[in-house]
Amino acid sequence: MIVPLQNSVVNMIATLNSSDRTEILLESYIRTAVELGEITPAMEAQIKKFAERGNLSDRNQRLLQILHDALQDGCIQRVTHRSPLDRV
């Protein structure tokens, strides 16, 4: 059952300090973008906020570089939101 696992992960993250949560969420966003091959504007905005705050570990700075390179190389596509009316 997935729900207890999700609850335990949420509880674990809730007990971490703000810096640790940022590290975990940043890595999660980047991994998701790499796995899906796309990134939403909301994910990109949140990643940018984390990066602008600074104080990132060397590991997460490397992950940001990987994301940047993947976007530059076209391995990850930026998703644009379209209205349902655009299907004409």
Protein backbone atom coordinates (compact mmCIF):
# COMPACT_ATOMS: atom_id res chain seq x y z
CA MET A 1 0.00 0.00 0.00
CA ILE A 2 1.47 3.35 -1.05
CA VAL A 3 -0.29 5.68 1.41
CA PRO A 4 1.62 4.56 4.55
CA LEU A 5 4.89 4.90 2.66
CA GLN A 6 3.94 8.40 1.48
CA ASN A 7 2.96 9.36 5.03
CA SER A 8 6.25 8.12 6.44
CA VAL A 9 8.21 10.07 3.82
CA VAL A 10 6.17 13.21 4.53
CA ASN A 11 6.75 12.77 8.27
CA MET A 12 10.48 12.23 7.72
CA ILE A 13 10.77 15.38 5.60
CA ALA A 14 8.74 17.39 8.13
CA THR A 15 11.31 16.64 10.83
CA LEU A 16 14.23 17.94 8.78
CA ASN A 17 15.48 21.48 9.05
CA SER A 18 14.77 23.98 6.29
CA SER A 19 18.14 23.48 4.58
CA ASP A 20 17.73 19.70 4.46
CA ARG A 21 14.21 20.01 3.02
CA THR A 22 15.49 22.34 0.32
CA GLU A 23 18.19 19.84 -0.62
CA ILE A 24 15.70 16.95 -0.81
CA LEU A 25 13.09 18.90 -2.77
CA LEU A 26 15.65 20.32 -5.19
CA GLU A 27 17.03 16.87 -5.92
CA SER A 28 13.50 15.52 -6.32
CA TYR A 29 12.55 18.19 -8.87
CA ILE A 30 15.73 17.68 -10.87
CA ARG A 31 15.42 13.89 -10.84
CA THR A 32 11.79 14.13 -11.96
CA ALA A 33 12.71 16.43 -14.85
CA VAL A 34 15.52 14.11 -15.93
CA GLU A 35 13.36 10.98 -15.68
CA LEU A 36 10.41 12.51 -17.57
CA GLY A 37 12.50 14.45 -20.04
CA GLU A 38 10.44 17.56 -19.40
CA ILE A 39 10.08 20.34 -16.88
CA THR A 40 7.05 22.45 -16.05
CA PRO A 41 7.24 26.21 -15.52
CA ALA A 42 6.32 25.70 -11.85
CA MET A 43 9.13 23.18 -11.30
CA GLU A 44 11.61 25.41 -13.06
CA ALA A 45 10.55 28.42 -10.98
CA GLN A 46 10.94 26.48 -7.73
CA ILE A 47 14.36 25.16 -8.75
CA LYS A 48 15.40 28.72 -9.60
CA LYS A 49 14.28 29.91 -6.14
CA PHE A 50 16.33 27.21 -4.45
CA ALA A 51 19.37 28.06 -6.56
CA GLU A 52 19.06 31.79 -5.84
CA ARG A 53 18.98 31.18 -2.09
CA GLY A 54 22.45 29.70 -2.30
CA ASN A 55 23.97 27.50 0.40
CA LEU A 56 23.59 24.41 -1.78
CA SER A 57 25.78 21.40 -1.32
CA ASP A 58 28.38 20.58 -3.95
CA ARG A 59 26.21 17.64 -4.94
CA ASN A 60 23.15 19.78 -5.60
CA GLN A 61 25.24 22.34 -7.46
CA ARG A 62 26.34 19.48 -9.72
CA LEU A 63 22.70 18.41 -10.14
CA LEU A 64 21.82 21.97 -11.17
CA GLN A 65 24.61 21.86 -13.74
CA ILE A 66 23.31 18.55 -15.08
CA LEU A 67 19.82 20.07 -15.38
CA HIS A 68 21.21 23.13 -17.15
CA ASP A 69 23.20 20.98 -19.57
CA ALA A 70 20.20 18.72 -20.25
CA LEU A 71 18.04 21.75 -21.04
CA GLN A 72 20.74 23.19 -23.31
CA ASP A 73 21.17 19.87 -25.14
CA GLY A 74 17.43 19.35 -25.57
CA CYS A 75 17.33 16.24 -23.39
CA ILE A 76 14.76 17.97 -21.19
CA GLN A 77 11.97 19.95 -22.82
CA ARG A 78 10.21 22.89 -21.22
CA VAL A 79 6.48 22.18 -21.01
CA THR A 80 4.20 25.00 -22.07
CA HIS A 81 0.67 25.17 -20.80
CA ARG A 82 -2.02 25.35 -23.43
CA SER A 83 -5.65 26.10 -23.15
CA PRO A 84 -8.09 23.28 -24.05
CA LEU A 85 -9.34 25.68 -26.72
CA ASP A 86 -5.95 25.39 -28.49
CA ARG A 87 -6.93 21.95 -29.84
CA VAL A 88 -8.57 23.42 -32.93
